[in-house]
């Protein structure tokens, strides 16, 4: 028996997700957390990747606070001049490297296409493509199977092309719409073409473009409520799914080598409607348990279109925001940063970063009272 065989966590095919990942290996399940306990269980469901962002990292650190409190104090002693934020990000890096190690056997088995841990760039750098690219390259060197998240804004997409050229596998984030992921796919192709023109390898790179479908649903619901609009019950549960299916079709037509990734779950449709596609699906661990515990049937549905009546109703009631989200030319690249879901999510990531710094402060400089 090889070391790879010994290290691999067996897939439990008695679970719906375990059966799905075995029946449709092209549909990659990732765990939307770097928490090691959750990740081990998710791998037993067939997961072949994992992801992290400032909100997820903060939650994972709080979930094992005694461990990370002790480690933060050690890091503070090792780096006496570093501030709270820098120390917090060192913990995020260690958390990510630990998770990447769990996925290393899968990375080897899949020749780099899967088995990756996704770590997100500092949201405070969101306006600076050079800083984003340099941090992405730094993260790339933390472990062989790291994939780096950059925002799907003009600055982020500029960085995505550059770091792809440098050999970094990317994952677009702060991304909710068809035009955003299409621009990401095109940027990756430009970066890959530049590498190939110089004879540099691309075979082991595994880029993905996240479409946060649940956050698109959230935004459209917010717009509808603000405008006093009543839509048919359940209609806006399908918006993110429809955007994912359209993006998937466009990527296939254009031959993009980036896979679309479904994230930000609000319902099981964001997994069950995408089964069978050459996509990545990244549900939080809680959603994976719900799907398994309820014995959800998971046949291939990637090619089943969303009911046209649903699309027509969204387009009729919220035409401006739906055009931005669903049409591949619905927004220009300069409009991405001002899209409502982009601003909401970026603010949340920035807030999580601030909370991480505050947590470090409480550990290192506790209130004397």
Protein backbone atom coordinates (compact mmCIF):
# COMPACT_ATOMS: atom_id res chain seq x y z
CA UNK A 1 0.00 0.00 0.00
CA UNK A 2 1.39 3.43 -0.96
CA UNK A 3 1.58 6.40 1.43
CA UNK A 4 -1.06 8.09 -0.74
CA UNK A 5 -3.43 5.17 -0.13
CA UNK A 6 -2.71 5.27 3.60
CA UNK A 7 -3.33 9.02 3.83
CA UNK A 8 -6.53 9.10 1.80
CA UNK A 9 -9.77 9.35 3.79
CA UNK A 10 -12.24 6.78 2.47
CA UNK A 11 -15.45 8.08 0.86
CA UNK A 12 -18.64 7.02 2.61
CA UNK A 13 -20.89 5.96 -0.25
CA UNK A 14 -23.83 5.38 2.09
CA UNK A 15 -24.36 9.17 2.10
CA UNK A 16 -26.06 11.11 -0.74
CA UNK A 17 -22.98 13.28 -1.20
CA UNK A 18 -20.69 10.28 -1.16
CA UNK A 19 -22.78 8.62 -3.87
CA UNK A 20 -22.92 11.86 -5.88
CA UNK A 21 -19.16 12.38 -5.85
CA UNK A 22 -18.59 8.79 -6.95
CA UNK A 23 -21.24 8.86 -9.69
CA UNK A 24 -20.23 12.30 -11.01
CA UNK A 25 -16.49 12.75 -10.36
CA UNK A 26 -16.43 15.80 -12.64
CA UNK A 27 -18.69 17.57 -10.13
CA UNK A 28 -16.18 18.54 -7.45
CA UNK A 29 -17.38 18.93 -3.86
CA UNK A 30 -15.41 21.39 -1.72
CA UNK A 31 -15.91 22.21 1.94
CA UNK A 32 -16.67 25.88 2.57
CA UNK A 33 -14.41 26.01 5.62
CA UNK A 34 -10.82 25.28 6.55
CA UNK A 35 -11.87 23.90 9.96
CA UNK A 36 -9.89 20.63 10.16
CA UNK A 37 -12.57 18.56 11.90
CA UNK A 38 -15.23 19.59 9.40
CA UNK A 39 -12.85 19.11 6.49
CA UNK A 40 -11.98 15.54 7.45
CA UNK A 41 -15.66 14.64 7.56
CA UNK A 42 -16.34 16.46 4.30
CA UNK A 43 -13.54 14.50 2.63
CA UNK A 44 -15.37 11.35 3.75
CA UNK A 45 -18.36 12.67 1.76
CA UNK A 46 -16.10 12.94 -1.29
CA UNK A 47 -14.87 16.52 -0.92
CA UNK A 48 -11.73 17.26 -2.95
CA UNK A 49 -11.06 20.85 -1.87
CA UNK A 50 -11.79 23.51 0.71
CA UNK A 51 -12.01 27.25 0.94
CA UNK A 52 -11.43 30.03 3.41
CA UNK A 53 -12.27 33.74 3.65
CA UNK A 54 -12.03 36.30 6.47
CA UNK A 55 -15.44 35.34 7.87
CA UNK A 56 -14.69 31.61 7.70
CA UNK A 57 -11.20 32.07 9.17
CA UNK A 58 -12.54 34.07 12.10
CA UNK A 59 -15.17 31.40 12.80
CA UNK A 60 -12.58 28.60 12.63
CA UNK A 61 -10.26 30.42 15.03
CA UNK A 62 -13.09 31.05 17.50
CA UNK A 63 -14.13 27.39 17.25
CA UNK A 64 -10.69 26.33 18.57
CA UNK A 65 -9.85 29.43 20.59
CA UNK A 66 -7.62 27.80 23.26
CA UNK A 67 -5.31 26.46 20.56
CA UNK A 68 -5.11 29.72 18.63
CA UNK A 69 -4.82 31.85 21.78
CA UNK A 70 -1.70 29.91 22.75
CA UNK A 71 -0.36 30.09 19.20
CA UNK A 72 -0.96 33.84 18.95
CA UNK A 73 1.03 34.39 22.11
CA UNK A 74 3.86 32.28 20.66
CA UNK A 75 3.76 34.23 17.41
CA UNK A 76 3.82 37.52 19.31
CA UNK A 77 6.98 36.38 21.12
CA UNK A 78 8.53 35.23 17.83
CA UNK A 79 7.67 38.49 16.04
CA UNK A 80 7.86 41.24 18.70
CA UNK A 81 7.40 44.11 16.23
CA UNK A 82 4.34 42.82 14.38
CA UNK A 83 0.97 44.48 14.92
CA UNK A 84 -2.39 42.86 15.62
CA UNK A 85 -3.42 42.53 12.00
CA UNK A 86 -0.12 41.00 10.88
CA UNK A 87 -0.27 38.45 13.69
CA UNK A 88 -3.88 37.62 12.86
CA UNK A 89 -2.97 36.96 9.24
CA UNK A 90 -0.14 34.66 10.32
CA UNK A 91 -2.79 32.57 12.08
CA UNK A 92 -4.93 32.58 8.91
CA UNK A 93 -1.90 31.32 6.99
CA UNK A 94 -1.25 28.52 9.51
CA UNK A 95 -4.92 27.52 9.51
CA UNK A 96 -4.82 27.34 5.72
CA UNK A 97 -1.59 25.35 5.59
CA UNK A 98 -3.00 22.82 8.06
CA UNK A 99 -6.07 22.37 5.87
CA UNK A 100 -3.94 22.15 2.74
CA UNK A 101 -2.03 19.26 4.28
CA UNK A 102 -5.25 17.28 4.71
CA UNK A 103 -5.94 17.75 1.00
CA UNK A 104 -2.41 16.94 -0.21
CA UNK A 105 -3.12 13.28 -1.14
CA UNK A 106 -6.08 14.40 -3.27
CA UNK A 107 -3.93 17.08 -4.92
CA UNK A 108 -1.38 14.43 -5.92
CA UNK A 109 -4.07 12.04 -7.13
CA UNK A 110 -5.79 14.72 -9.25
CA UNK A 111 -2.57 16.23 -10.65
CA UNK A 112 -3.37 19.67 -9.28
CA UNK A 113 -6.91 20.06 -10.59
CA UNK A 114 -8.40 19.30 -7.17
CA UNK A 115 -7.05 18.85 -3.66
CA UNK A 116 -6.56 22.58 -3.16
CA UNK A 117 -7.11 24.88 -0.19
CA UNK A 118 -8.39 28.30 -1.15
CA UNK A 119 -7.04 31.25 0.87
CA UNK A 120 -8.33 34.79 0.35
CA UNK A 121 -6.24 37.90 -0.08
CA UNK A 122 -6.53 40.69 2.49
CA UNK A 123 -9.77 42.58 1.73
CA UNK A 124 -8.06 45.86 2.66
CA UNK A 125 -6.00 45.52 -0.54
CA UNK A 126 -9.08 45.45 -2.76
CA UNK A 127 -8.17 48.64 -4.66
CA UNK A 128 -4.52 47.77 -5.35
CA UNK A 129 -3.83 45.21 -8.11
CA UNK A 130 -0.09 45.17 -7.45
CA UNK A 131 -0.52 44.48 -3.72
CA UNK A 132 -3.14 41.83 -4.46
CA UNK A 133 -0.86 40.10 -6.95
CA UNK A 134 2.14 40.16 -4.61
CA UNK A 135 0.15 38.75 -1.68
CA UNK A 136 -1.36 36.10 -3.95
CA UNK A 137 2.11 34.99 -4.98
CA UNK A 138 3.18 34.88 -1.32
CA UNK A 139 0.19 32.68 -0.45
CA UNK A 140 0.93 30.48 -3.47
CA UNK A 141 4.25 29.51 -1.89
CA UNK A 142 2.76 28.50 1.48
CA UNK A 143 1.97 24.99 0.19
CA UNK A 144 2.00 23.27 -3.21
CA UNK A 145 -1.80 22.92 -3.23
CA UNK A 146 -2.83 26.50 -2.38
CA UNK A 147 -5.31 28.33 -4.58
CA UNK A 148 -5.70 32.07 -4.00
CA UNK A 149 -8.90 34.12 -3.90
CA UNK A 150 -8.94 37.57 -5.46
CA UNK A 151 -11.95 39.88 -5.85
CA UNK A 152 -13.85 40.02 -9.16
CA UNK A 153 -13.43 43.78 -9.53
CA UNK A 154 -11.27 45.71 -11.98
CA UNK A 155 -8.29 45.69 -9.61
CA UNK A 156 -8.78 42.03 -8.75
CA UNK A 157 -9.20 40.90 -12.35
CA UNK A 158 -6.05 42.78 -13.34
CA UNK A 159 -4.24 40.90 -10.57
CA UNK A 160 -5.83 37.60 -11.65
CA UNK A 161 -4.30 37.81 -15.12
CA UNK A 162 -0.89 38.73 -13.72
CA UNK A 163 -0.70 36.02 -11.05
CA UNK A 164 -2.02 33.38 -13.45
CA UNK A 165 0.92 34.30 -15.65
CA UNK A 166 3.17 33.85 -12.60
CA UNK A 167 1.82 30.32 -12.09
CA UNK A 168 -0.67 30.98 -9.28
CA UNK A 169 -3.97 29.09 -9.42
CA UNK A 170 -6.75 31.58 -8.64
CA UNK A 171 -10.25 31.56 -7.25
CA UNK A 172 -12.31 34.68 -7.92
CA UNK A 173 -14.38 35.89 -4.97
CA UNK A 174 -16.65 38.86 -4.17
CA UNK A 175 -18.34 37.57 -7.32
CA UNK A 176 -22.09 37.17 -7.86
CA UNK A 177 -22.88 37.66 -11.53
CA UNK A 178 -22.40 36.22 -14.99
CA UNK A 179 -20.42 39.22 -16.32
CA UNK A 180 -18.00 39.01 -13.39
CA UNK A 181 -17.14 35.34 -13.83
CA UNK A 182 -16.95 35.71 -17.61
CA UNK A 183 -14.35 38.48 -17.17
CA UNK A 184 -12.48 36.25 -14.72
CA UNK A 185 -12.46 33.36 -17.19
CA UNK A 186 -11.13 35.64 -19.93
CA UNK A 187 -8.41 37.05 -17.63
CA UNK A 188 -7.25 33.56 -16.70
CA UNK A 189 -7.04 32.62 -20.39
CA UNK A 190 -4.87 35.68 -21.03
CA UNK A 191 -2.59 34.74 -18.14
CA UNK A 192 -2.36 31.11 -19.29
CA UNK A 193 -1.62 32.22 -22.86
CA UNK A 194 1.25 34.41 -21.62
CA UNK A 195 2.72 31.45 -19.72
CA UNK A 196 2.35 29.12 -22.67
CA UNK A 197 3.97 31.66 -25.01
CA UNK A 198 7.07 31.48 -22.81
CA UNK A 199 7.00 27.69 -22.59
CA UNK A 200 5.91 27.70 -18.94
CA UNK A 201 3.76 24.81 -17.65
CA UNK A 202 0.02 25.14 -17.05
CA UNK A 203 -1.02 21.49 -16.73
CA UNK A 204 -1.19 21.43 -12.92
CA UNK A 205 -3.03 24.71 -12.50
CA UNK A 206 -6.64 24.55 -11.31
CA UNK A 207 -8.34 27.98 -11.57
CA UNK A 208 -11.95 28.46 -10.48
CA UNK A 209 -14.35 31.41 -10.57
CA UNK A 210 -16.77 31.59 -7.66
CA UNK A 211 -20.32 32.75 -8.23
CA UNK A 212 -21.87 33.45 -4.82
CA UNK A 213 -25.38 32.55 -5.85
CA UNK A 214 -26.97 32.86 -2.42
CA UNK A 215 -25.62 36.38 -2.04
CA UNK A 216 -27.12 37.27 -5.41
CA UNK A 217 -30.45 35.94 -4.13
CA UNK A 218 -30.01 38.03 -0.99
CA UNK A 219 -29.34 41.19 -2.99
CA UNK A 220 -32.34 40.77 -5.28
CA UNK A 221 -34.57 40.09 -2.28
CA UNK A 222 -33.26 43.28 -0.67
CA UNK A 223 -33.97 45.28 -3.82
CA UNK A 224 -37.47 43.82 -4.10
CA UNK A 225 -38.24 44.62 -0.46
CA UNK A 226 -36.86 48.14 -0.74
CA UNK A 227 -39.03 48.78 -3.80
CA UNK A 228 -42.12 47.18 -2.25
CA UNK A 229 -42.28 44.44 -4.87
CA UNK A 230 -44.11 41.15 -4.41
CA UNK A 231 -42.77 38.29 -6.48
CA UNK A 232 -44.18 34.78 -6.59
CA UNK A 233 -43.04 32.71 -3.59
CA UNK A 234 -39.71 31.02 -4.20
CA UNK A 235 -38.87 32.84 -7.43
CA UNK A 236 -35.82 34.58 -6.03
CA UNK A 237 -34.48 31.28 -4.65
CA UNK A 238 -33.63 30.45 -8.28
CA UNK A 239 -31.73 33.60 -9.28
CA UNK A 240 -28.26 32.42 -8.28
CA UNK A 241 -28.87 28.97 -9.74
CA UNK A 242 -29.93 30.50 -13.06
CA UNK A 243 -26.80 32.67 -13.12
CA UNK A 244 -24.61 29.63 -12.39
CA UNK A 245 -26.18 27.59 -15.16
CA UNK A 246 -25.76 30.43 -17.64
CA UNK A 247 -22.14 31.01 -16.65
CA UNK A 248 -21.43 27.28 -16.96
CA UNK A 249 -22.88 27.25 -20.48
CA UNK A 250 -20.85 30.28 -21.55
CA UNK A 251 -17.62 28.83 -20.16
CA UNK A 252 -18.22 25.61 -22.09
CA UNK A 253 -18.97 27.52 -25.31
CA UNK A 254 -15.84 29.66 -25.01
CA UNK A 255 -13.56 26.86 -23.90
CA UNK A 256 -12.45 28.59 -20.71
CA UNK A 257 -10.18 26.40 -18.61
CA UNK A 258 -11.56 27.88 -15.40
CA UNK A 259 -14.33 26.02 -13.58
CA UNK A 260 -17.29 27.89 -12.15
CA UNK A 261 -17.73 27.42 -8.39
CA UNK A 262 -21.06 27.59 -6.55
CA UNK A 263 -20.89 29.16 -3.08
CA UNK A 264 -22.86 31.16 -0.49
CA UNK A 265 -25.60 28.59 0.01
CA UNK A 266 -29.12 29.66 0.89
CA UNK A 267 -30.89 26.48 -0.30
CA UNK A 268 -29.98 23.04 -1.61
CA UNK A 269 -30.72 24.09 -5.21
CA UNK A 270 -27.26 25.66 -5.29
CA UNK A 271 -25.93 22.10 -5.21
CA UNK A 272 -28.70 19.84 -6.48
CA UNK A 273 -29.30 21.84 -9.69
CA UNK A 274 -25.63 21.70 -10.67
CA UNK A 275 -24.93 17.99 -10.27
CA UNK A 276 -23.38 16.42 -13.36
CA UNK A 277 -21.54 19.53 -14.49
CA UNK A 278 -17.79 20.06 -14.65
CA UNK A 279 -18.13 22.53 -11.78
CA UNK A 280 -17.04 23.01 -8.19
CA UNK A 281 -19.74 23.10 -5.50
CA UNK A 282 -18.67 24.48 -2.12
CA UNK A 283 -21.40 24.20 0.54
CA UNK A 284 -20.81 25.02 4.18
CA UNK A 285 -20.44 21.91 6.31
CA UNK A 286 -23.88 22.45 7.86
CA UNK A 287 -25.51 22.22 4.44
CA UNK A 288 -23.61 19.02 3.69
CA UNK A 289 -24.97 17.45 6.88
CA UNK A 290 -28.52 18.57 6.05
CA UNK A 291 -28.31 17.10 2.56
CA UNK A 292 -26.99 13.79 3.88
CA UNK A 293 -29.30 13.62 6.89
CA UNK A 294 -32.35 14.19 4.69
CA UNK A 295 -31.33 11.62 2.08
CA UNK A 296 -31.57 14.15 -0.77
CA UNK A 297 -31.68 12.55 -4.21
CA UNK A 298 -28.90 14.00 -6.38
CA UNK A 299 -29.29 13.06 -10.05
CA UNK A 300 -27.64 15.03 -12.85
CA UNK A 301 -29.50 18.32 -13.38
CA UNK A 302 -26.88 20.66 -14.81
CA UNK A 303 -28.54 20.59 -18.24
CA UNK A 304 -32.09 21.09 -16.93
CA UNK A 305 -32.92 24.76 -17.55
CA UNK A 306 -34.51 26.96 -14.93
CA UNK A 307 -38.22 27.41 -15.65
CA UNK A 308 -38.55 30.25 -18.16
CA UNK A 309 -41.51 31.65 -16.24
CA UNK A 310 -39.21 32.21 -13.27
CA UNK A 311 -36.63 34.03 -15.38
CA UNK A 312 -39.35 36.12 -17.05
CA UNK A 313 -40.81 37.19 -13.71
CA UNK A 314 -37.45 38.30 -12.30
CA UNK A 315 -36.66 40.16 -15.52
CA UNK A 316 -40.05 41.86 -15.51
CA UNK A 317 -40.04 42.92 -11.85
CA UNK A 318 -36.36 43.77 -11.27
CA UNK A 319 -35.10 44.40 -14.82
CA UNK A 320 -32.11 46.63 -14.03
CA UNK A 321 -30.50 44.44 -11.38
CA UNK A 322 -31.32 41.20 -13.20
CA UNK A 323 -29.71 42.46 -16.41
CA UNK A 324 -26.55 43.28 -14.43
CA UNK A 325 -26.52 39.82 -12.89
CA UNK A 326 -27.63 37.54 -15.71
CA UNK A 327 -26.51 39.02 -19.02
CA UNK A 328 -22.83 38.44 -19.87
CA UNK A 329 -22.55 42.09 -20.94
CA UNK A 330 -24.90 43.35 -18.22
CA UNK A 331 -22.12 45.29 -16.50
CA UNK A 332 -18.78 46.72 -17.53
CA UNK A 333 -15.74 45.76 -15.52
CA UNK A 334 -15.73 49.23 -13.97
CA UNK A 335 -19.25 48.65 -12.63
CA UNK A 336 -18.43 45.45 -10.72
CA UNK A 337 -17.22 47.24 -7.59
CA UNK A 338 -20.45 49.23 -7.31
CA UNK A 339 -22.85 46.31 -7.66
CA UNK A 340 -24.89 46.07 -4.46
CA UNK A 341 -23.85 42.54 -3.52
CA UNK A 342 -20.20 43.47 -4.08
CA UNK A 343 -20.35 46.38 -1.65
CA UNK A 344 -22.27 44.35 0.94
CA UNK A 345 -19.85 41.42 0.83
CA UNK A 346 -16.69 43.50 0.74
CA UNK A 347 -17.90 45.38 3.81
CA UNK A 348 -18.53 42.06 5.57
CA UNK A 349 -15.04 40.80 4.74
CA UNK A 350 -13.50 44.08 5.91
CA UNK A 351 -15.49 43.84 9.14
CA UNK A 352 -14.29 40.26 9.72
CA UNK A 353 -10.72 41.42 9.23
CA UNK A 354 -11.27 44.14 11.84
CA UNK A 355 -12.81 41.59 14.22
CA UNK A 356 -9.76 39.35 13.80
CA UNK A 357 -7.50 42.25 14.76
CA UNK A 358 -9.74 42.96 17.76
CA UNK A 359 -9.53 39.30 18.82
CA UNK A 360 -5.74 39.43 18.70
CA UNK A 361 -5.82 42.64 20.75
CA UNK A 362 -7.97 41.01 23.44
CA UNK A 363 -5.51 38.13 23.69
CA UNK A 364 -2.32 40.20 23.73
CA UNK A 365 -3.52 43.34 25.46
CA UNK A 366 -6.37 42.20 27.70
CA UNK A 367 -8.47 44.74 29.54
CA UNK A 368 -6.92 45.24 33.01
CA UNK A 369 -10.38 45.29 34.58
